[in-house]
Amino acid sequence: MRIVVIGAGLAGLSTALMLREDGHSVDIVTRGVGGLLLSTGTLDVYGWHNDGHPIEQPYEAIDELVSEQPEHPYAAIGADAVRAGVDWLRETTGLFAENSGTNVLMPTAIGAVRPTALVQNTMTPALVEDGKKYLVVGIKQFRDFPAQFIADNLARTPLAKVEARSVTIDLQPRKPEVDSTSTTFARALDGTAGLDGPATRDALAHELRSVVREGETILLPALLGFSPDAYSDIAAELGVAVGEVPVPPPSVSGRRINDALVGLARKMRVDIALNAQVVGFDTDGSRITALKVQRAGRVSTDKVDAVVYAGGGLESGTIERDSYGTIRERVFDLPLIFMDPEDAQAKTVTGDVVVDGKDIFGCGVKVNAEMLPLADGTPVYDNLYCVGSLLGGARPWSEKSGEGIALGSAVAATRALRKKD
């Protein structure tokens, strides 16, 4: 089958690769590089109850979640597809620890602790567990990791009994910079872009060796290289536990996932058209037969057998709100569902969160078990599959379910297309 995937985030890249593994001809059309570069690099399946308590068994808790929220995407996706998607990404990238089915506790860049299903291998030593002692290491030239603040918050977390102290070291990745990004540190530690990797790694190891105490786990910001070599060398040189903590974008840990998936897509001959967007389409009534794709100032007509829509939601512009307050899906004008607001008076810097009594950030497309978008319970088109954060009925940012929805819907769409092949 000739399939076009719209979007290059986690859901889009994963679905494209799964379909390519099934032997389909797959192209990706995307306006940008996708949201992975903004992500933490961990895999959230289902982290928090509505009452604010962390969830221990995320896959088992999905059934309870959908019984309480029948419009949630997990009701259509199913726990089996979610677990299969997480396992697929782990096996495909080689970046992640075991999928035990149990949430672990991960520190954040402000010292809060949150549950997540899987972390990268470089983060495993950083997991929060009773009795651990942490040395939180800030870097003078990196300002997005306030070590003292993180250590203070870790020491008082109610989720585990731990000890934490902090130090700040001097590590200049690229002279004469005094304020460097995480990507600059990653390149320096990798030894790319003309930077001296071995010297930077040695300098970091020297600084850490002078401050760590026996029995402590070192916590560093997640910037220890795009490849696994830098982390492995530093950890081996020190001989103590070293763990990365996700930091604000640009995300090195998120880019590791993106680079692994994009690299595999190129190897498997999945064409990725950047700076391209779908501006129209042709149908025969029930099926989409072609997409109108704008590239480099011209519009071409691409014939398709199926379309996977992974363009994101309101945050990406796939779902848009015009000057009259009308909220609509941009490309196919698909029907949207909305969630009831948690706070009827909620506002953001851009205006009201609640419009006509509905939460605009909980909006999205409703799908069936094949990921086909629905209008009054009937598929809008027979060959249009919606995946990822385009799906409505969830608050992945607060319940911590974003990667589970992305990967689970990718599996569900791939399975549906497999049946029709």
Protein backbone atom coordinates (compact mmCIF):
# COMPACT_ATOMS: atom_id res chain seq x y z
CA MET A 1 0.00 0.00 0.00
CA ARG A 2 1.04 3.60 -0.62
CA ILE A 3 0.68 5.39 2.73
CA VAL A 4 1.42 9.00 3.66
CA VAL A 5 1.99 9.88 7.31
CA ILE A 6 1.34 13.50 8.26
CA GLY A 7 3.60 14.56 11.14
CA ALA A 8 7.05 13.56 12.41
CA GLY A 9 6.67 13.40 16.15
CA LEU A 10 6.80 10.20 18.18
CA ALA A 11 3.44 8.97 16.86
CA GLY A 12 4.19 9.81 13.23
CA LEU A 13 7.71 8.39 13.09
CA SER A 14 6.70 5.25 15.00
CA THR A 15 3.67 4.54 12.83
CA ALA A 16 5.67 5.10 9.65
CA LEU A 17 8.36 2.65 10.75
CA MET A 18 5.85 0.03 11.90
CA LEU A 19 4.08 0.26 8.54
CA ARG A 20 7.39 0.04 6.69
CA GLU A 21 8.23 -3.09 8.67
CA ASP A 22 4.97 -4.51 7.30
CA GLY A 23 6.19 -3.85 3.77
CA HIS A 24 4.18 -0.75 2.88
CA SER A 25 5.51 2.17 0.85
CA VAL A 26 5.56 5.03 3.36
CA ASP A 27 6.29 8.76 3.07
CA ILE A 28 6.19 11.35 5.85
CA VAL A 29 4.99 14.89 5.25
CA THR A 30 5.75 17.35 8.03
CA ARG A 31 6.00 21.09 8.56
CA GLY A 32 8.78 20.70 11.14
CA VAL A 33 10.94 18.23 13.03
CA GLY A 34 8.26 17.08 15.48
CA GLY A 35 7.84 17.37 19.21
CA LEU A 36 10.44 14.88 20.39
CA LEU A 37 13.03 17.64 20.69
CA LEU A 38 10.76 19.22 23.31
CA SER A 39 10.17 16.02 25.26
CA THR A 40 11.78 14.71 28.44
CA GLY A 41 12.97 11.55 26.69
CA THR A 42 11.03 9.32 29.11
CA LEU A 43 7.94 7.24 28.28
CA ASP A 44 4.78 8.14 30.17
CA VAL A 45 1.92 5.63 30.04
CA TYR A 46 -0.27 6.72 32.95
CA GLY A 47 1.30 8.43 35.94
CA TRP A 48 -1.12 10.28 38.17
CA HIS A 49 -4.58 9.60 39.55
CA ASN A 50 -7.02 12.50 39.55
CA ASP A 51 -6.53 12.69 43.32
CA GLY A 52 -2.83 13.44 42.84
CA HIS A 53 -1.47 10.05 43.90
CA PRO A 54 1.10 8.29 41.71
CA ILE A 55 0.06 5.14 39.86
CA GLU A 56 2.20 2.05 40.39
CA GLN A 57 0.87 -0.27 37.67
CA PRO A 58 0.04 1.92 34.64
CA TYR A 59 -1.12 -0.79 32.24
CA GLU A 60 -3.43 -2.34 34.82
CA ALA A 61 -4.81 1.09 35.71
CA ILE A 62 -5.89 1.81 32.13
CA ASP A 63 -9.10 -0.22 32.54
CA GLU A 64 -10.08 1.83 35.58
CA LEU A 65 -9.26 5.04 33.75
CA VAL A 66 -11.47 4.29 30.75
CA SER A 67 -14.34 3.15 32.95
CA GLU A 68 -14.26 6.60 34.56
CA GLN A 69 -13.55 8.43 31.29
CA PRO A 70 -15.10 6.51 28.37
CA GLU A 71 -14.06 9.23 25.90
CA HIS A 72 -10.38 8.74 26.76
CA PRO A 73 -8.23 7.58 23.79
CA TYR A 74 -7.18 4.52 25.78
CA ALA A 75 -10.75 3.22 25.50
CA ALA A 76 -10.20 2.78 21.76
CA ILE A 77 -6.50 1.93 21.88
CA GLY A 78 -6.46 -0.66 24.67
CA ALA A 79 -3.73 -1.51 27.18
CA ASP A 80 -2.30 -4.29 25.01
CA ALA A 81 -1.52 -1.91 22.16
CA VAL A 82 0.04 0.57 24.58
CA ARG A 83 2.39 -2.03 26.02
CA ALA A 84 3.22 -3.32 22.52
CA GLY A 85 4.08 0.21 21.40
CA VAL A 86 6.35 0.85 24.38
CA ASP A 87 8.09 -2.51 23.84
CA TRP A 88 8.52 -1.73 20.14
CA LEU A 89 10.23 1.61 20.83
CA ARG A 90 12.48 0.07 23.46
CA GLU A 91 13.57 -2.72 21.14
CA THR A 92 13.90 -0.42 18.12
CA THR A 93 16.04 2.31 19.68
CA GLY A 94 17.98 0.41 22.37
CA LEU A 95 17.82 3.55 24.52
CA PHE A 96 15.56 2.38 27.33
CA ALA A 97 15.65 0.20 30.41
CA GLU A 98 13.38 -2.82 30.91
CA ASN A 99 9.61 -2.46 30.61
CA SER A 100 8.64 -3.99 33.95
CA GLY A 101 5.07 -2.75 33.76
CA THR A 102 5.60 -0.75 36.95
CA ASN A 103 6.09 3.01 37.10
CA VAL A 104 9.36 4.35 38.45
CA LEU A 105 9.97 7.71 40.11
CA MET A 106 12.04 10.23 38.19
CA PRO A 107 13.40 13.55 39.49
CA THR A 108 12.72 16.66 37.44
CA ALA A 109 14.77 19.78 36.74
CA ILE A 110 13.20 21.51 39.74
CA GLY A 111 13.57 18.57 42.12
CA ALA A 112 9.95 17.44 42.00
CA VAL A 113 9.42 13.69 41.59
CA ARG A 114 7.09 12.19 39.02
CA PRO A 115 6.10 8.68 37.93
CA THR A 116 6.93 7.40 34.46
CA ALA A 117 6.87 3.97 32.83
CA LEU A 118 10.32 3.87 31.20
CA VAL A 119 13.47 5.94 31.39
CA GLN A 120 16.57 5.95 29.24
CA ASN A 121 19.52 3.85 30.37
CA THR A 122 21.43 7.02 31.22
CA MET A 123 18.67 7.99 33.66
CA THR A 124 18.28 4.68 35.49
CA PRO A 125 20.75 5.54 38.31
CA ALA A 126 18.81 8.76 38.93
CA LEU A 127 15.58 6.94 39.89
CA VAL A 128 14.24 7.98 43.28
CA GLU A 129 14.26 5.13 45.79
CA ASP A 130 14.24 4.94 49.58
CA GLY A 131 17.63 5.21 51.21
CA LYS A 132 19.53 6.70 48.29
CA LYS A 133 21.95 9.60 48.66
CA TYR A 134 22.24 12.08 45.83
CA LEU A 135 24.83 14.62 44.83
CA VAL A 136 23.08 17.09 42.55
CA VAL A 137 25.69 18.68 40.31
CA GLY A 138 25.01 22.02 38.71
CA ILE A 139 27.23 23.46 35.99
CA LYS A 140 28.12 27.12 36.14
CA GLN A 141 27.80 27.49 32.38
CA PHE A 142 24.38 25.76 32.24
CA ARG A 143 21.59 27.71 33.93
CA ASP A 144 18.64 25.36 33.50
CA PHE A 145 19.64 23.05 36.33
CA PRO A 146 19.44 24.84 39.73
CA ALA A 147 21.32 22.30 41.82
CA GLN A 148 20.62 23.66 45.30
CA PHE A 149 16.92 24.08 44.56
CA ILE A 150 16.71 20.55 43.14
CA ALA A 151 18.53 19.02 46.12
CA ASP A 152 16.30 20.83 48.63
CA ASN A 153 13.14 19.62 46.89
CA LEU A 154 14.40 16.06 46.53
CA ALA A 155 15.24 15.88 50.22
CA ARG A 156 11.68 16.83 51.15
CA THR A 157 9.73 14.72 48.63
CA PRO A 158 6.93 12.72 50.29
CA LEU A 159 7.32 9.89 47.76
CA ALA A 160 10.62 8.52 49.08
CA LYS A 161 13.08 8.95 51.94
CA VAL A 162 16.30 10.20 50.39
CA GLU A 163 19.21 12.51 51.15
CA ALA A 164 20.47 15.14 48.76
CA ARG A 165 23.12 17.80 48.66
CA SER A 166 24.41 19.98 45.84
CA VAL A 167 27.56 21.40 44.32
CA THR A 168 28.25 23.55 41.27
CA ILE A 169 31.21 22.85 39.03
CA ASP A 170 32.94 24.77 36.26
CA LEU A 171 32.81 23.17 32.79
CA GLN A 172 33.15 25.36 29.72
CA PRO A 173 32.24 23.33 26.62
CA ARG A 174 33.04 25.99 24.07
CA LYS A 175 35.16 29.03 24.80
CA PRO A 176 34.45 31.88 25.31
CA GLU A 177 30.80 30.97 26.05
CA VAL A 178 29.68 31.47 29.65
CA ASP A 179 26.07 30.39 29.07
CA SER A 180 25.77 27.26 26.90
CA THR A 181 22.79 25.17 25.82
CA SER A 182 22.38 21.48 26.51
CA THR A 183 23.02 20.71 22.84
CA THR A 184 26.37 22.51 22.98
CA PHE A 185 27.38 20.40 25.99
CA ALA A 186 26.24 17.23 24.19
CA ARG A 187 28.29 18.07 21.11
CA ALA A 188 31.32 18.88 23.26
CA LEU A 189 31.09 15.58 25.12
CA ASP A 190 30.55 13.69 21.85
CA GLY A 191 33.46 15.49 20.23
CA THR A 192 31.45 16.79 17.27
CA ALA A 193 31.26 20.24 15.63
CA GLY A 194 35.00 20.64 16.05
CA LEU A 195 34.89 20.25 19.83
CA ASP A 196 37.29 18.09 21.82
CA GLY A 197 35.21 15.24 23.23
CA PRO A 198 37.87 13.32 25.20
CA ALA A 199 39.19 16.51 26.81
CA THR A 200 35.67 17.63 27.82
CA ARG A 201 34.86 14.19 29.25
CA ASP A 202 38.12 14.16 31.21
CA ALA A 203 37.44 17.64 32.55
CA LEU A 204 33.94 16.63 33.69
CA ALA A 205 35.19 13.40 35.30
CA HIS A 206 37.95 15.34 37.10
CA GLU A 207 35.45 17.84 38.51
CA LEU A 208 33.02 15.12 39.62
CA ARG A 209 35.71 12.97 41.21
CA SER A 210 36.75 15.88 43.43
CA VAL A 211 33.27 16.43 44.91
CA VAL A 212 31.51 13.03 45.14
CA ARG A 213 31.41 11.13 48.42
CA GLU A 214 31.20 7.41 49.01
CA GLY A 215 27.71 6.00 48.55
CA GLU A 216 26.36 8.97 46.59
CA THR A 217 24.65 8.89 43.22
CA ILE A 218 25.61 11.81 41.01
CA LEU A 219 22.71 13.61 39.32
CA LEU A 220 23.60 15.60 36.22
CA PRO A 221 21.44 17.45 33.69
CA ALA A 222 20.58 15.31 30.66
CA LEU A 223 23.28 16.56 28.32
CA LEU A 224 25.83 13.73 28.35
CA GLY A 225 26.08 13.38 24.59
CA PHE A 226 23.76 12.35 21.78
CA SER A 227 25.52 9.00 21.46
CA PRO A 228 25.83 6.54 24.39
CA ASP A 229 29.63 6.65 24.34
CA ALA A 230 30.05 9.84 26.35
CA TYR A 231 27.86 8.64 29.21
CA SER A 232 29.47 5.20 29.26
CA ASP A 233 32.99 6.65 29.34
CA ILE A 234 32.20 9.09 32.14
CA ALA A 235 30.41 6.50 34.28
CA ALA A 236 33.22 3.97 33.78
CA GLU A 237 35.91 6.54 34.56
CA LEU A 238 34.25 7.56 37.82
CA GLY A 239 33.23 4.10 38.99
CA VAL A 240 30.17 5.52 40.79
CA ALA A 241 26.50 5.75 39.88
CA VAL A 242 25.77 8.65 37.52
CA GLY A 243 22.26 9.49 36.37
CA GLU A 244 20.83 12.09 34.02
CA VAL A 245 17.84 14.27 34.91
CA PRO A 246 15.68 15.66 32.06
CA VAL A 247 15.93 19.43 31.61
CA PRO A 248 13.94 22.04 29.65
CA PRO A 249 14.27 22.13 25.84
CA PRO A 250 16.27 21.86 23.70
CA SER A 251 16.11 18.26 24.87
CA VAL A 252 19.17 16.08 24.36
CA SER A 253 17.33 13.00 25.64
CA GLY A 254 14.37 13.68 23.35
CA ARG A 255 16.67 14.21 20.41
CA ARG A 256 18.28 10.82 21.03
CA ILE A 257 14.90 9.20 20.35
CA ASN A 258 14.27 11.44 17.35
CA ASP A 259 17.71 10.73 15.86
CA ALA A 260 17.30 6.98 16.33
CA LEU A 261 13.89 6.93 14.61
CA VAL A 262 14.85 9.33 11.81
CA GLY A 263 18.05 7.37 11.17
CA LEU A 264 16.07 4.14 10.94
CA ALA A 265 13.53 5.79 8.63
CA ARG A 266 16.31 6.79 6.23
CA LYS A 267 17.82 3.31 6.41
CA MET A 268 14.43 1.78 5.61
CA ARG A 269 13.84 4.28 2.79
CA VAL A 270 10.99 6.18 4.36
CA ASP A 271 11.03 9.59 2.69
CA ILE A 272 10.65 12.52 5.13
CA ALA A 273 9.53 15.74 3.44
CA LEU A 274 10.32 18.65 5.80
CA ASN A 275 8.82 22.13 5.35
CA ALA A 276 5.85 20.52 3.64
CA GLN A 277 2.19 20.61 4.56
CA VAL A 278 -1.07 19.14 3.37
CA VAL A 279 -3.31 21.92 2.08
CA GLY A 280 -6.11 19.86 0.52
CA PHE A 281 -7.22 16.41 -0.53
CA ASP A 282 -9.36 14.44 -3.01
CA THR A 283 -11.93 11.80 -2.09
CA ASP A 284 -14.24 9.37 -3.81
CA GLY A 285 -16.79 9.93 -1.06
CA SER A 286 -15.74 7.41 1.59
CA ARG A 287 -11.99 7.27 0.93
CA ILE A 288 -9.19 9.77 0.53
CA THR A 289 -7.62 9.19 -2.87
CA ALA A 290 -4.96 11.94 -2.96
CA LEU A 291 -3.36 14.65 -0.85
CA LYS A 292 -2.50 18.16 -2.01
CA VAL A 293 0.96 18.78 -0.58
CA GLN A 294 2.67 22.15 -0.61
CA ARG A 295 6.45 21.95 -0.93
CA ALA A 296 8.81 24.81 -1.71
CA GLY A 297 6.07 27.09 -2.94
CA ARG A 298 4.30 24.60 -5.20
CA VAL A 299 1.45 22.18 -4.63
CA SER A 300 1.61 18.60 -5.87
CA THR A 301 -1.09 15.93 -5.88
CA ASP A 302 0.07 12.69 -4.23
CA LYS A 303 -2.10 9.62 -4.72
CA VAL A 304 -2.57 7.49 -1.58
CA ASP A 305 -4.09 4.22 -0.47
CA ALA A 306 -4.22 5.35 3.16
CA VAL A 307 -3.31 8.36 5.32
CA VAL A 308 -2.05 8.37 8.91
CA TYR A 309 -2.69 11.72 10.56
CA ALA A 310 -0.16 12.42 13.32
CA GLY A 311 -0.01 16.19 13.11
CA GLY A 312 -0.50 16.90 16.81
CA GLY A 313 -3.24 18.90 18.46
CA LEU A 314 -3.86 22.47 19.52
CA GLU A 315 -0.23 22.93 20.54
CA SER A 316 1.04 22.22 17.01
CA GLY A 317 -1.53 24.20 15.05
CA THR A 318 -3.23 21.11 13.62
CA ILE A 319 -6.24 22.12 15.67
CA GLU A 320 -6.64 25.86 15.33
CA ARG A 321 -8.72 28.61 16.88
CA ASP A 322 -9.63 31.53 14.64
CA SER A 323 -10.27 35.14 15.59
CA TYR A 324 -13.96 34.37 16.12
CA GLY A 325 -13.17 31.68 18.67
CA THR A 326 -14.10 28.81 16.36
CA ILE A 327 -11.99 25.70 16.98
CA ARG A 328 -11.48 23.32 14.09
CA GLU A 329 -9.15 20.68 12.72
CA ARG A 330 -7.11 22.36 9.99
CA VAL A 331 -6.70 19.83 7.13
CA PHE A 332 -9.71 17.50 6.92
CA ASP A 333 -12.18 19.52 9.03
CA LEU A 334 -12.75 16.48 11.25
CA PRO A 335 -15.35 16.65 14.05
CA LEU A 336 -13.85 17.39 17.46
CA ILE A 337 -14.77 16.31 20.96
CA PHE A 338 -14.21 18.50 24.02
CA MET A 339 -13.65 17.77 27.68
CA ASP A 340 -15.47 19.35 30.57
CA PRO A 341 -13.24 21.90 32.29
CA GLU A 342 -11.40 21.15 35.51
CA ASP A 343 -11.54 24.86 36.37
CA ALA A 344 -14.28 26.93 34.72
CA GLN A 345 -12.34 30.16 35.41
CA ALA A 346 -8.98 28.97 34.08
CA LYS A 347 -7.06 31.38 31.86
CA THR A 348 -3.71 31.50 30.10
CA VAL A 349 -1.64 34.38 28.76
CA THR A 350 -3.48 34.00 25.45
CA GLY A 351 -6.99 34.12 26.95
CA ASP A 352 -9.68 31.79 28.22
CA VAL A 353 -9.03 28.07 28.49
CA VAL A 354 -12.76 27.38 28.70
CA VAL A 355 -14.91 28.29 25.68
CA ASP A 356 -18.66 27.67 25.67
CA GLY A 357 -18.23 25.58 28.80
CA LYS A 358 -15.60 23.27 27.26
CA ASP A 359 -11.87 22.91 27.85
CA ILE A 360 -10.14 23.80 24.58
CA PHE A 361 -6.94 22.01 25.61
CA GLY A 362 -8.79 18.72 26.01
CA CYS A 363 -10.18 18.80 22.49
CA GLY A 364 -9.33 16.44 19.68
CA VAL A 365 -10.61 13.76 17.37
CA LYS A 366 -12.65 10.79 18.58
CA VAL A 367 -11.65 7.47 17.01
CA ASN A 368 -12.76 3.87 16.98
CA ALA A 369 -10.54 0.86 17.73
CA GLU A 370 -9.02 1.09 14.22
CA MET A 371 -8.06 4.75 14.84
CA LEU A 372 -10.57 5.95 12.23
CA PRO A 373 -12.04 9.38 13.11
CA LEU A 374 -15.73 9.33 13.91
CA ALA A 375 -18.71 11.58 13.25
CA ASP A 376 -21.79 10.46 15.18
CA GLY A 377 -20.23 7.03 15.63
CA THR A 378 -19.45 6.49 11.93
CA PRO A 379 -15.97 6.73 10.33
CA VAL A 380 -15.55 9.95 8.38
CA TYR A 381 -13.24 8.25 5.89
CA ASP A 382 -12.40 4.55 5.59
CA ASN A 383 -8.65 5.05 5.09
CA LEU A 384 -7.78 8.01 7.35
CA TYR A 385 -6.16 6.95 10.64
CA CYS A 386 -5.57 9.40 13.48
CA VAL A 387 -2.82 8.89 16.06
CA GLY A 388 -0.97 10.70 18.83
CA SER A 389 -1.95 13.98 20.46
CA LEU A 390 -4.54 14.68 17.76
CA LEU A 391 -6.81 12.33 19.72
CA GLY A 392 -9.19 14.06 22.12
CA GLY A 393 -10.50 13.12 25.53
CA ALA A 394 -7.27 13.16 27.57
CA ARG A 395 -5.03 15.52 29.50
CA PRO A 396 -1.70 13.81 28.90
CA TRP A 397 0.31 16.66 30.43
CA SER A 398 -1.32 16.20 33.84
CA GLU A 399 -2.08 12.46 33.89
CA LYS A 400 1.27 11.64 32.21
CA SER A 401 0.01 9.53 29.32
CA GLY A 402 1.42 11.24 26.22
CA GLU A 403 3.88 8.62 25.00
CA GLY A 404 1.45 5.81 25.82
CA ILE A 405 -1.22 7.43 23.63
CA ALA A 406 1.28 8.09 20.83
CA LEU A 407 2.77 4.58 20.76
CA GLY A 408 -0.47 2.74 21.50
CA SER A 409 -2.35 4.51 18.73
CA ALA A 410 0.54 3.81 16.34
CA VAL A 411 0.22 0.09 17.07
CA ALA A 412 -3.59 0.18 16.77
CA ALA A 413 -3.44 1.94 13.38
CA THR A 414 -0.75 -0.44 12.10
CA ARG A 415 -2.80 -3.46 13.17
CA ALA A 416 -5.89 -2.06 11.44
CA LEU A 417 -4.01 -1.50 8.19
CA ARG A 418 -2.50 -4.98 8.45
CA LYS A 419 -6.00 -6.47 8.45
CA LYS A 420 -6.96 -4.51 5.34
CA ASP A 421 -3.80 -5.25 3.37
